[in-house]
Amino acid sequence: MYWDATNKRWVVGDATVRLGRFAGQTGQGTNSVSIGTKAGNFSQQSNSVAIGNQAGQSNQEFNSVAIGAGAGRTSQQTSSVAIGESAGESNQDPFSVAIGDQAGNILQKTKSVAIGYFAGTSNQGSNSIAIGNEAGRSNQKPYTICINATSSNLNATGSTGRCYIKPLGDTGEIGAGTWRRVYWNDATGELSAVL
């Protein structure tokens, strides 16, 4: 269903859904949904969903989901998910997930995950994970894990293949099982095990 501006009437029976000013206006693929002003506006490919003002606005690729104002706005690539205001807004690479306000906002790389307020906001490396408030906010290296439960940002800008966690408490208790020595850098939040 969509509004035909030329004939000034609703059209039903199409293989797409377009609802909102300029929603799905040019090149909307089959089985796609665009709801909201300029949602899926230009070149929204098949089986994609764009809901919210300017969600998936330009070049939203196959099987992608953008929900929220500005989510997946420009060049959201194949099978990516962006949920939240400006999540995955610009150049979200294939198979990536961004959930939360500004999560994965700019240049979120392939197969990365950003969950939380400003998590993985700028240039999140491929195959990386950022969870929590401002976790991996800027230039998170590929293959890193960044988990933040503090009120300030925690970046993972050291080498690739690292783990950063804040805070990390000391319970003073050791239970059964095989234990390995773990070192934690309280300044950077990096966690490293000695095998």
N, C-alpha and C. Protein backbone atom coordinates (compact mmCIF):
# COMPACT_ATOMS: atom_id res chain seq x y z
N MET A 1 0.84 -1.16 0.00
CA MET A 1 0.00 0.00 0.00
C MET A 1 0.89 1.24 0.00
N TYR A 2 0.55 2.20 -0.85
CA TYR A 2 1.32 3.44 -0.89
C TYR A 2 0.46 4.56 -1.48
N TRP A 3 0.92 5.80 -1.25
CA TRP A 3 0.22 6.96 -1.78
C TRP A 3 0.79 7.29 -3.15
N ASP A 4 -0.04 7.29 -4.15
CA ASP A 4 0.33 7.64 -5.52
C ASP A 4 0.13 9.15 -5.66
N ALA A 5 1.25 9.89 -5.58
CA ALA A 5 1.18 11.35 -5.61
C ALA A 5 0.70 11.87 -6.96
N THR A 6 0.99 11.14 -8.03
CA THR A 6 0.57 11.58 -9.36
C THR A 6 -0.94 11.56 -9.50
N ASN A 7 -1.57 10.45 -9.09
CA ASN A 7 -3.02 10.30 -9.20
C ASN A 7 -3.77 10.67 -7.93
N LYS A 8 -3.01 11.06 -6.91
CA LYS A 8 -3.57 11.49 -5.63
C LYS A 8 -4.57 10.49 -5.05
N ARG A 9 -4.04 9.25 -4.84
CA ARG A 9 -4.88 8.20 -4.27
C ARG A 9 -4.00 7.11 -3.66
N TRP A 10 -4.60 6.34 -2.75
CA TRP A 10 -3.92 5.18 -2.17
C TRP A 10 -3.96 4.03 -3.16
N VAL A 11 -2.86 3.30 -3.25
CA VAL A 11 -2.78 2.14 -4.14
C VAL A 11 -2.54 0.91 -3.26
N VAL A 12 -3.36 -0.10 -3.46
CA VAL A 12 -3.27 -1.33 -2.66
C VAL A 12 -2.97 -2.50 -3.60
N GLY A 13 -2.25 -3.50 -3.09
CA GLY A 13 -2.02 -4.69 -3.88
C GLY A 13 -0.60 -4.81 -4.39
N ASP A 14 0.26 -3.89 -4.04
CA ASP A 14 1.65 -3.92 -4.46
C ASP A 14 2.41 -4.91 -3.55
N ALA A 15 3.61 -5.32 -3.97
CA ALA A 15 4.43 -6.24 -3.17
C ALA A 15 5.30 -5.49 -2.17
N THR A 16 4.97 -4.22 -1.95
CA THR A 16 5.71 -3.41 -0.98
C THR A 16 4.72 -2.65 -0.11
N VAL A 17 5.25 -2.09 0.99
CA VAL A 17 4.45 -1.23 1.85
C VAL A 17 5.19 0.10 1.95
N ARG A 18 4.48 1.18 1.66
CA ARG A 18 5.04 2.52 1.75
C ARG A 18 4.02 3.41 2.45
N LEU A 19 4.41 3.97 3.56
CA LEU A 19 3.48 4.82 4.30
C LEU A 19 4.26 5.99 4.90
N GLY A 20 3.99 7.19 4.42
CA GLY A 20 4.69 8.37 4.89
C GLY A 20 5.21 9.18 3.72
N ARG A 21 5.43 10.45 3.94
CA ARG A 21 5.89 11.33 2.87
C ARG A 21 7.25 10.88 2.34
N PHE A 22 7.32 10.63 1.06
CA PHE A 22 8.52 10.17 0.33
C PHE A 22 9.02 8.79 0.76
N ALA A 23 8.22 8.03 1.47
CA ALA A 23 8.61 6.67 1.89
C ALA A 23 8.65 5.77 0.67
N GLY A 24 9.73 4.97 0.53
CA GLY A 24 9.85 4.03 -0.58
C GLY A 24 9.66 4.66 -1.93
N GLN A 25 10.06 5.89 -2.08
CA GLN A 25 9.74 6.67 -3.28
C GLN A 25 10.40 6.16 -4.57
N THR A 26 11.68 5.82 -4.53
CA THR A 26 12.38 5.46 -5.75
C THR A 26 13.13 4.14 -5.58
N GLY A 27 12.80 3.17 -6.41
CA GLY A 27 13.54 1.90 -6.43
C GLY A 27 13.33 1.01 -5.23
N GLN A 28 12.12 0.97 -4.68
CA GLN A 28 11.86 0.10 -3.53
C GLN A 28 11.71 -1.34 -4.03
N GLY A 29 12.48 -2.27 -3.46
CA GLY A 29 12.44 -3.67 -3.85
C GLY A 29 11.20 -4.40 -3.34
N THR A 30 10.94 -5.55 -3.92
CA THR A 30 9.77 -6.33 -3.52
C THR A 30 9.86 -6.78 -2.07
N ASN A 31 8.69 -6.93 -1.48
CA ASN A 31 8.55 -7.40 -0.10
C ASN A 31 9.26 -6.51 0.92
N SER A 32 9.42 -5.24 0.60
CA SER A 32 10.04 -4.29 1.52
C SER A 32 8.97 -3.43 2.18
N VAL A 33 9.34 -2.89 3.35
CA VAL A 33 8.42 -2.06 4.12
C VAL A 33 9.11 -0.73 4.44
N SER A 34 8.44 0.38 4.14
CA SER A 34 8.93 1.72 4.47
C SER A 34 7.82 2.48 5.16
N ILE A 35 8.03 2.84 6.42
CA ILE A 35 7.02 3.58 7.17
C ILE A 35 7.70 4.78 7.84
N GLY A 36 7.27 5.98 7.47
CA GLY A 36 7.81 7.20 8.05
C GLY A 36 8.32 8.12 6.96
N THR A 37 8.46 9.39 7.27
CA THR A 37 8.95 10.36 6.30
C THR A 37 10.33 9.96 5.78
N LYS A 38 10.45 9.82 4.48
CA LYS A 38 11.68 9.45 3.77
C LYS A 38 12.24 8.08 4.17
N ALA A 39 11.48 7.25 4.83
CA ALA A 39 11.93 5.90 5.16
C ALA A 39 12.07 5.12 3.86
N GLY A 40 13.19 4.42 3.67
CA GLY A 40 13.41 3.65 2.45
C GLY A 40 13.24 4.48 1.20
N ASN A 41 13.56 5.74 1.27
CA ASN A 41 13.29 6.70 0.20
C ASN A 41 13.93 6.35 -1.14
N PHE A 42 15.18 5.96 -1.16
CA PHE A 42 15.89 5.71 -2.41
C PHE A 42 16.62 4.37 -2.38
N SER A 43 16.33 3.52 -3.32
CA SER A 43 17.02 2.24 -3.52
C SER A 43 16.97 1.32 -2.28
N GLN A 44 15.78 1.11 -1.76
CA GLN A 44 15.60 0.13 -0.69
C GLN A 44 15.44 -1.23 -1.36
N GLN A 45 16.31 -2.16 -1.07
CA GLN A 45 16.28 -3.44 -1.76
C GLN A 45 15.32 -4.44 -1.12
N SER A 46 15.13 -5.55 -1.77
CA SER A 46 14.13 -6.55 -1.38
C SER A 46 14.26 -7.02 0.06
N ASN A 47 13.11 -7.34 0.64
CA ASN A 47 13.01 -7.93 1.97
C ASN A 47 13.60 -7.07 3.08
N SER A 48 13.61 -5.77 2.90
CA SER A 48 14.15 -4.86 3.91
C SER A 48 13.02 -4.12 4.61
N VAL A 49 13.33 -3.65 5.83
CA VAL A 49 12.34 -2.92 6.63
C VAL A 49 12.97 -1.61 7.11
N ALA A 50 12.27 -0.52 6.89
CA ALA A 50 12.70 0.79 7.37
C ALA A 50 11.51 1.46 8.04
N ILE A 51 11.60 1.69 9.34
CA ILE A 51 10.50 2.30 10.09
C ILE A 51 11.05 3.46 10.91
N GLY A 52 10.55 4.66 10.64
CA GLY A 52 10.97 5.85 11.36
C GLY A 52 11.41 6.93 10.40
N ASN A 53 11.43 8.16 10.87
CA ASN A 53 11.85 9.28 10.05
C ASN A 53 13.26 9.06 9.49
N GLN A 54 13.40 8.98 8.19
CA GLN A 54 14.65 8.79 7.46
C GLN A 54 15.35 7.47 7.76
N ALA A 55 14.64 6.51 8.27
CA ALA A 55 15.23 5.18 8.48
C ALA A 55 15.48 4.53 7.12
N GLY A 56 16.65 3.92 6.94
CA GLY A 56 16.97 3.26 5.67
C GLY A 56 16.77 4.16 4.47
N GLN A 57 17.01 5.43 4.64
CA GLN A 57 16.66 6.42 3.62
C GLN A 57 17.32 6.20 2.26
N SER A 58 18.59 5.85 2.24
CA SER A 58 19.29 5.75 0.96
C SER A 58 20.16 4.49 0.90
N ASN A 59 19.92 3.68 -0.12
CA ASN A 59 20.73 2.47 -0.37
C ASN A 59 20.70 1.45 0.77
N GLN A 60 19.51 1.09 1.21
CA GLN A 60 19.35 0.03 2.21
C GLN A 60 19.35 -1.29 1.44
N GLU A 61 20.32 -2.16 1.74
CA GLU A 61 20.46 -3.39 0.98
C GLU A 61 19.54 -4.50 1.46
N PHE A 62 19.59 -5.64 0.75
CA PHE A 62 18.74 -6.79 0.98
C PHE A 62 18.69 -7.23 2.45
N ASN A 63 17.50 -7.64 2.89
CA ASN A 63 17.30 -8.29 4.19
C ASN A 63 17.77 -7.47 5.39
N SER A 64 17.78 -6.17 5.27
CA SER A 64 18.22 -5.31 6.37
C SER A 64 17.03 -4.73 7.12
N VAL A 65 17.28 -4.36 8.38
CA VAL A 65 16.23 -3.79 9.22
C VAL A 65 16.75 -2.50 9.85
N ALA A 66 15.99 -1.42 9.70
CA ALA A 66 16.32 -0.14 10.32
C ALA A 66 15.06 0.39 11.00
N ILE A 67 15.12 0.52 12.33
CA ILE A 67 13.96 1.00 13.08
C ILE A 67 14.41 2.13 14.01
N GLY A 68 13.84 3.31 13.82
CA GLY A 68 14.17 4.48 14.62
C GLY A 68 14.56 5.63 13.73
N ALA A 69 14.43 6.83 14.22
CA ALA A 69 14.78 8.01 13.44
C ALA A 69 16.24 7.96 13.01
N GLY A 70 16.49 7.98 11.71
CA GLY A 70 17.84 7.98 11.17
C GLY A 70 18.56 6.64 11.23
N ALA A 71 17.91 5.61 11.70
CA ALA A 71 18.55 4.29 11.77
C ALA A 71 18.85 3.78 10.36
N GLY A 72 20.06 3.25 10.13
CA GLY A 72 20.42 2.72 8.82
C GLY A 72 20.22 3.72 7.71
N ARG A 73 20.37 4.96 8.00
CA ARG A 73 20.00 6.04 7.07
C ARG A 73 20.71 5.98 5.72
N THR A 74 22.01 5.79 5.70
CA THR A 74 22.75 5.81 4.44
C THR A 74 23.63 4.57 4.31
N SER A 75 23.47 3.83 3.25
CA SER A 75 24.30 2.66 2.93
C SER A 75 24.30 1.59 4.02
N GLN A 76 23.12 1.16 4.42
CA GLN A 76 23.02 0.03 5.33
C GLN A 76 23.12 -1.22 4.47
N GLN A 77 24.13 -2.04 4.71
CA GLN A 77 24.39 -3.16 3.82
C GLN A 77 23.66 -4.44 4.21
N THR A 78 23.80 -5.45 3.39
CA THR A 78 23.05 -6.69 3.46
C THR A 78 22.96 -7.30 4.86
N SER A 79 21.74 -7.70 5.23
CA SER A 79 21.46 -8.44 6.46
C SER A 79 21.96 -7.75 7.72
N SER A 80 21.92 -6.44 7.75
CA SER A 80 22.31 -5.68 8.94
C SER A 80 21.07 -5.24 9.70
N VAL A 81 21.24 -4.98 10.99
CA VAL A 81 20.14 -4.55 11.85
C VAL A 81 20.56 -3.29 12.59
N ALA A 82 19.72 -2.26 12.53
CA ALA A 82 19.96 -1.02 13.26
C ALA A 82 18.65 -0.63 13.94
N ILE A 83 18.67 -0.60 15.27
CA ILE A 83 17.48 -0.25 16.04
C ILE A 83 17.84 0.82 17.06
N GLY A 84 17.18 1.97 16.96
CA GLY A 84 17.42 3.08 17.86
C GLY A 84 17.74 4.33 17.07
N GLU A 85 17.60 5.47 17.70
CA GLU A 85 17.87 6.72 16.99
C GLU A 85 19.30 6.77 16.48
N SER A 86 19.44 6.94 15.18
CA SER A 86 20.73 7.04 14.49
C SER A 86 21.62 5.82 14.66
N ALA A 87 21.06 4.69 15.00
CA ALA A 87 21.84 3.45 15.08
C ALA A 87 22.22 3.03 13.66
N GLY A 88 23.48 2.63 13.44
CA GLY A 88 23.93 2.21 12.12
C GLY A 88 23.64 3.24 11.05
N GLU A 89 23.71 4.49 11.40
CA GLU A 89 23.24 5.57 10.51
C GLU A 89 24.00 5.67 9.20
N SER A 90 25.30 5.52 9.20
CA SER A 90 26.07 5.74 7.98
C SER A 90 27.09 4.63 7.76
N ASN A 91 26.95 3.94 6.63
CA ASN A 91 27.89 2.89 6.23
C ASN A 91 28.00 1.73 7.22
N GLN A 92 26.87 1.11 7.49
CA GLN A 92 26.85 -0.08 8.33
C GLN A 92 27.11 -1.28 7.42
N ASP A 93 28.22 -1.98 7.66
CA ASP A 93 28.63 -3.10 6.81
C ASP A 93 27.73 -4.33 6.99
N PRO A 94 27.87 -5.31 6.09
CA PRO A 94 27.01 -6.50 6.14
C PRO A 94 27.08 -7.27 7.47
N PHE A 95 25.95 -7.85 7.82
CA PHE A 95 25.82 -8.78 8.96
C PHE A 95 26.15 -8.13 10.30
N SER A 96 26.01 -6.82 10.41
CA SER A 96 26.29 -6.11 11.65
C SER A 96 25.01 -5.80 12.40
N VAL A 97 25.14 -5.60 13.71
CA VAL A 97 23.99 -5.30 14.56
C VAL A 97 24.31 -4.07 15.41
N ALA A 98 23.42 -3.09 15.38
CA ALA A 98 23.55 -1.89 16.21
C ALA A 98 22.22 -1.63 16.90
N ILE A 99 22.23 -1.67 18.23
CA ILE A 99 21.00 -1.47 18.99
C ILE A 99 21.26 -0.43 20.08
N GLY A 100 20.55 0.69 20.02
CA GLY A 100 20.68 1.75 21.02
C GLY A 100 20.94 3.08 20.34
N ASP A 101 20.71 4.14 21.08
CA ASP A 101 20.91 5.49 20.57
C ASP A 101 22.36 5.67 20.10
N GLN A 102 22.56 5.95 18.82
CA GLN A 102 23.87 6.18 18.19
C GLN A 102 24.77 4.94 18.15
N ALA A 103 24.26 3.77 18.48
CA ALA A 103 25.08 2.55 18.43
C ALA A 103 25.50 2.29 16.98
N GLY A 104 26.78 1.94 16.78
CA GLY A 104 27.28 1.65 15.44
C GLY A 104 27.00 2.77 14.45
N ASN A 105 26.99 3.99 14.91
CA ASN A 105 26.53 5.14 14.13
C ASN A 105 27.26 5.36 12.81
N ILE A 106 28.58 5.38 12.80
CA ILE A 106 29.35 5.67 11.59
C ILE A 106 30.40 4.60 11.38
N LEU A 107 30.43 4.02 10.19
CA LEU A 107 31.44 3.04 9.79
C LEU A 107 31.51 1.81 10.69
N GLN A 108 30.38 1.18 10.92
CA GLN A 108 30.37 -0.07 11.67
C GLN A 108 30.76 -1.18 10.70
N LYS A 109 31.82 -1.88 10.99
CA LYS A 109 32.38 -2.86 10.06
C LYS A 109 31.66 -4.22 10.13
N THR A 110 32.00 -5.07 9.17
CA THR A 110 31.36 -6.37 8.98
C THR A 110 31.32 -7.23 10.23
N LYS A 111 30.15 -7.83 10.46
CA LYS A 111 29.92 -8.81 11.54
C LYS A 111 30.26 -8.27 12.93
N SER A 112 30.07 -6.98 13.14
CA SER A 112 30.30 -6.42 14.47
C SER A 112 28.97 -6.19 15.18
N VAL A 113 29.03 -6.09 16.50
CA VAL A 113 27.84 -5.92 17.32
C VAL A 113 28.06 -4.75 18.28
N ALA A 114 27.11 -3.83 18.30
CA ALA A 114 27.15 -2.70 19.22
C ALA A 114 25.79 -2.59 19.90
N ILE A 115 25.77 -2.74 21.21
CA ILE A 115 24.52 -2.68 21.96
C ILE A 115 24.69 -1.72 23.13
N GLY A 116 23.91 -0.65 23.14
CA GLY A 116 23.95 0.31 24.24
C GLY A 116 24.11 1.72 23.72
N TYR A 117 23.90 2.67 24.61
CA TYR A 117 24.01 4.09 24.29
C TYR A 117 25.42 4.41 23.82
N PHE A 118 25.55 4.89 22.58
CA PHE A 118 26.82 5.26 21.96
C PHE A 118 27.82 4.10 21.89
N ALA A 119 27.38 2.88 21.92
CA ALA A 119 28.29 1.73 21.80
C ALA A 119 28.79 1.63 20.36
N GLY A 120 30.09 1.43 20.18
CA GLY A 120 30.67 1.29 18.85
C GLY A 120 30.29 2.43 17.92
N THR A 121 30.18 3.63 18.44
CA THR A 121 29.65 4.76 17.69
C THR A 121 30.42 5.10 16.42
N SER A 122 31.73 5.13 16.48
CA SER A 122 32.51 5.58 15.34
C SER A 122 33.62 4.59 14.99
N ASN A 123 33.56 4.06 13.78
CA ASN A 123 34.61 3.19 13.24
C ASN A 123 34.84 1.92 14.08
N GLN A 124 33.78 1.16 14.29
CA GLN A 124 33.88 -0.10 15.04
C GLN A 124 34.46 -1.16 14.12
N GLY A 125 35.54 -1.80 14.54
CA GLY A 125 36.24 -2.80 13.73
C GLY A 125 35.41 -4.05 13.47
N SER A 126 35.78 -4.77 12.44
CA SER A 126 35.06 -5.99 12.06
C SER A 126 35.16 -7.06 13.14
N ASN A 127 34.12 -7.87 13.24
CA ASN A 127 34.05 -8.99 14.18
C ASN A 127 34.30 -8.56 15.63
N SER A 128 33.90 -7.36 15.98
CA SER A 128 34.08 -6.88 17.35
C SER A 128 32.74 -6.76 18.05
N ILE A 129 32.80 -6.71 19.37
CA ILE A 129 31.60 -6.63 20.19
C ILE A 129 31.75 -5.48 21.18
N ALA A 130 30.75 -4.61 21.23
CA ALA A 130 30.72 -3.52 22.20
C ALA A 130 29.36 -3.55 22.90
N ILE A 131 29.38 -3.73 24.21
CA ILE A 131 28.13 -3.81 24.97
C ILE A 131 28.22 -2.86 26.16
N GLY A 132 27.21 -1.99 26.29
CA GLY A 132 27.13 -1.10 27.43
C GLY A 132 27.31 0.35 27.05
N ASN A 133 27.14 1.20 28.03
CA ASN A 133 27.25 2.65 27.85
C ASN A 133 28.60 3.03 27.25
N GLU A 134 28.58 3.62 26.07
CA GLU A 134 29.78 4.11 25.39
C GLU A 134 30.90 3.08 25.29
N ALA A 135 30.55 1.82 25.22
CA ALA A 135 31.55 0.77 25.05
C ALA A 135 32.12 0.83 23.64
N GLY A 136 33.45 0.81 23.51
CA GLY A 136 34.08 0.87 22.20
C GLY A 136 33.63 2.06 21.38
N ARG A 137 33.43 3.16 22.03
CA ARG A 137 32.82 4.33 21.39
C ARG A 137 33.55 4.81 20.13
N SER A 138 34.86 4.81 20.15
CA SER A 138 35.60 5.35 19.02
C SER A 138 36.77 4.46 18.63
N ASN A 139 36.83 4.10 17.34
CA ASN A 139 37.95 3.33 16.78
C ASN A 139 38.22 1.99 17.46
N GLN A 140 37.18 1.24 17.76
CA GLN A 140 37.36 -0.08 18.36
C GLN A 140 38.05 -0.99 17.37
N LYS A 141 39.11 -1.63 17.81
CA LYS A 141 39.90 -2.50 16.94
C LYS A 141 39.11 -3.76 16.56
N PRO A 142 39.45 -4.36 15.42
CA PRO A 142 38.79 -5.60 15.01
C PRO A 142 39.05 -6.73 16.02
N TYR A 143 38.11 -7.66 16.07
CA TYR A 143 38.24 -8.87 16.91
C TYR A 143 38.43 -8.54 18.39
N THR A 144 37.84 -7.45 18.87
CA THR A 144 37.93 -7.11 20.28
C THR A 144 36.55 -7.17 20.93
N ILE A 145 36.58 -7.34 22.24
CA ILE A 145 35.35 -7.33 23.04
C ILE A 145 35.48 -6.18 24.03
N CYS A 146 34.45 -5.37 24.12
CA CYS A 146 34.46 -4.24 25.02
C CYS A 146 33.12 -4.21 25.77
N ILE A 147 33.17 -4.40 27.08
CA ILE A 147 31.98 -4.40 27.91
C ILE A 147 32.13 -3.30 28.97
N ASN A 148 31.18 -2.38 28.98
CA ASN A 148 31.29 -1.24 29.88
C ASN A 148 30.02 -1.05 30.71
N ALA A 149 30.21 -0.96 32.02
CA ALA A 149 29.09 -0.69 32.92
C ALA A 149 29.43 0.49 33.82
N THR A 150 30.18 1.44 33.26
CA THR A 150 30.51 2.66 34.00
C THR A 150 29.79 3.84 33.35
N SER A 151 29.93 5.02 33.95
CA SER A 151 29.26 6.19 33.40
C SER A 151 30.10 6.93 32.35
N SER A 152 31.33 6.49 32.12
CA SER A 152 32.18 7.13 31.10
C SER A 152 32.51 6.13 29.99
N ASN A 153 33.07 6.62 28.88
CA ASN A 153 33.33 5.71 27.77
C ASN A 153 34.51 4.79 28.06
N LEU A 154 34.51 3.66 27.36
CA LEU A 154 35.60 2.69 27.43
C LEU A 154 35.95 2.32 26.00
N ASN A 155 37.12 2.75 25.54
CA ASN A 155 37.54 2.45 24.18
C ASN A 155 38.42 1.22 24.15
N ALA A 156 38.38 0.52 23.05
CA ALA A 156 39.20 -0.68 22.84
C ALA A 156 40.13 -0.39 21.67
N THR A 157 41.12 0.48 21.92
CA THR A 157 41.96 0.97 20.84
C THR A 157 43.36 0.36 20.84
N GLY A 158 43.61 -0.62 21.70
CA GLY A 158 44.92 -1.29 21.70
C GLY A 158 45.04 -2.19 20.49
N SER A 159 45.67 -3.31 20.63
CA SER A 159 45.84 -4.27 19.53
C SER A 159 44.55 -5.02 19.26
N THR A 160 44.49 -5.70 18.12
CA THR A 160 43.33 -6.52 17.80
C THR A 160 43.31 -7.76 18.70
N GLY A 161 42.13 -8.38 18.79
CA GLY A 161 42.00 -9.61 19.56
C GLY A 161 42.12 -9.43 21.06
N ARG A 162 41.63 -8.34 21.60
CA ARG A 162 41.74 -8.06 23.03
C ARG A 162 40.36 -7.97 23.67
N CYS A 163 40.34 -8.02 25.01
CA CYS A 163 39.09 -7.92 25.76
C CYS A 163 39.23 -6.81 26.80
N TYR A 164 38.23 -5.92 26.82
CA TYR A 164 38.22 -4.80 27.75
C TYR A 164 36.93 -4.82 28.55
N ILE A 165 37.05 -4.77 29.88
CA ILE A 165 35.87 -4.81 30.75
C ILE A 165 36.04 -3.81 31.88
N LYS A 166 34.99 -3.02 32.13
CA LYS A 166 34.96 -2.14 33.29
C LYS A 166 33.55 -2.10 33.82
N PRO A 167 33.36 -2.13 35.12
CA PRO A 167 34.35 -2.40 36.16
C PRO A 167 34.59 -3.91 36.30
N LEU A 168 35.60 -4.25 37.05
CA LEU A 168 35.89 -5.65 37.34
C LEU A 168 36.19 -5.72 38.83
N GLY A 169 35.34 -6.41 39.58
CA GLY A 169 35.47 -6.44 41.03
C GLY A 169 36.34 -7.56 41.55
N ASP A 170 36.68 -7.48 42.83
CA ASP A 170 37.47 -8.49 43.51
C ASP A 170 36.63 -9.04 44.65
N THR A 171 36.13 -10.26 44.47
CA THR A 171 35.28 -10.84 45.52
C THR A 171 36.10 -11.52 46.60
N GLY A 172 37.35 -11.89 46.28
CA GLY A 172 38.19 -12.55 47.26
C GLY A 172 37.85 -14.03 47.44
N GLU A 173 36.89 -14.54 46.64
CA GLU A 173 36.49 -15.93 46.77
C GLU A 173 36.92 -16.72 45.54
N ILE A 174 37.40 -17.94 45.77
CA ILE A 174 37.78 -18.83 44.67
C ILE A 174 37.04 -20.15 44.87
N GLY A 175 36.27 -20.54 43.87
CA GLY A 175 35.51 -21.78 43.96
C GLY A 175 36.24 -22.93 43.30
N ALA A 176 35.51 -24.04 43.12
CA ALA A 176 36.09 -25.24 42.52
C ALA A 176 36.31 -25.05 41.03
N GLY A 177 37.14 -25.92 40.44
CA GLY A 177 37.40 -25.87 39.00
C GLY A 177 38.83 -25.45 38.72
N THR A 178 39.18 -25.43 37.46
CA THR A 178 40.53 -25.03 37.06
C THR A 178 40.57 -23.52 36.89
N TRP A 179 41.47 -22.89 37.59
CA TRP A 179 41.58 -21.43 37.54
C TRP A 179 42.85 -21.04 36.82
N ARG A 180 42.78 -20.01 36.04
CA ARG A 180 43.93 -19.44 35.34
C ARG A 180 44.17 -18.04 35.89
N ARG A 181 45.41 -17.64 35.88
CA ARG A 181 45.74 -16.29 36.32
C ARG A 181 45.26 -15.30 35.27
N VAL A 182 44.56 -14.28 35.74
CA VAL A 182 44.05 -13.24 34.85
C VAL A 182 44.59 -11.89 35.33
N TYR A 183 45.03 -11.10 34.38
CA TYR A 183 45.51 -9.77 34.69
C TYR A 183 44.53 -8.76 34.13
N TRP A 184 44.29 -7.75 34.92
CA TRP A 184 43.37 -6.71 34.49
C TRP A 184 44.06 -5.36 34.64
N ASN A 185 44.10 -4.59 33.59
CA ASN A 185 44.69 -3.27 33.63
C ASN A 185 43.60 -2.29 34.02
N ASP A 186 43.68 -1.76 35.24
CA ASP A 186 42.61 -0.89 35.72
C ASP A 186 42.54 0.45 34.98
N ALA A 187 43.59 0.84 34.30
CA ALA A 187 43.58 2.09 33.54
C ALA A 187 42.86 1.92 32.20
N THR A 188 43.18 0.83 31.47
CA THR A 188 42.58 0.63 30.14
C THR A 188 41.38 -0.28 30.16
N GLY A 189 41.22 -1.09 31.23
CA GLY A 189 40.12 -2.04 31.30
C GLY A 189 40.41 -3.34 30.59
N GLU A 190 41.64 -3.51 30.05
CA GLU A 190 41.97 -4.72 29.31
C GLU A 190 42.11 -5.90 30.25
N LEU A 191 41.57 -7.03 29.81
CA LEU A 191 41.62 -8.28 30.56
C LEU A 191 42.47 -9.26 29.78
N SER A 192 43.42 -9.93 30.46
CA SER A 192 44.31 -10.86 29.77
C SER A 192 44.57 -12.06 30.67
N ALA A 193 44.52 -13.25 30.07
CA ALA A 193 44.73 -14.48 30.85
C ALA A 193 46.10 -15.07 30.56
N VAL A 194 46.69 -15.70 31.58
CA VAL A 194 47.95 -16.42 31.43
C VAL A 194 47.62 -17.90 31.51
N LEU A 195 47.89 -18.63 30.46
CA LEU A 195 47.55 -20.05 30.41
C LEU A 195 48.68 -20.91 30.92
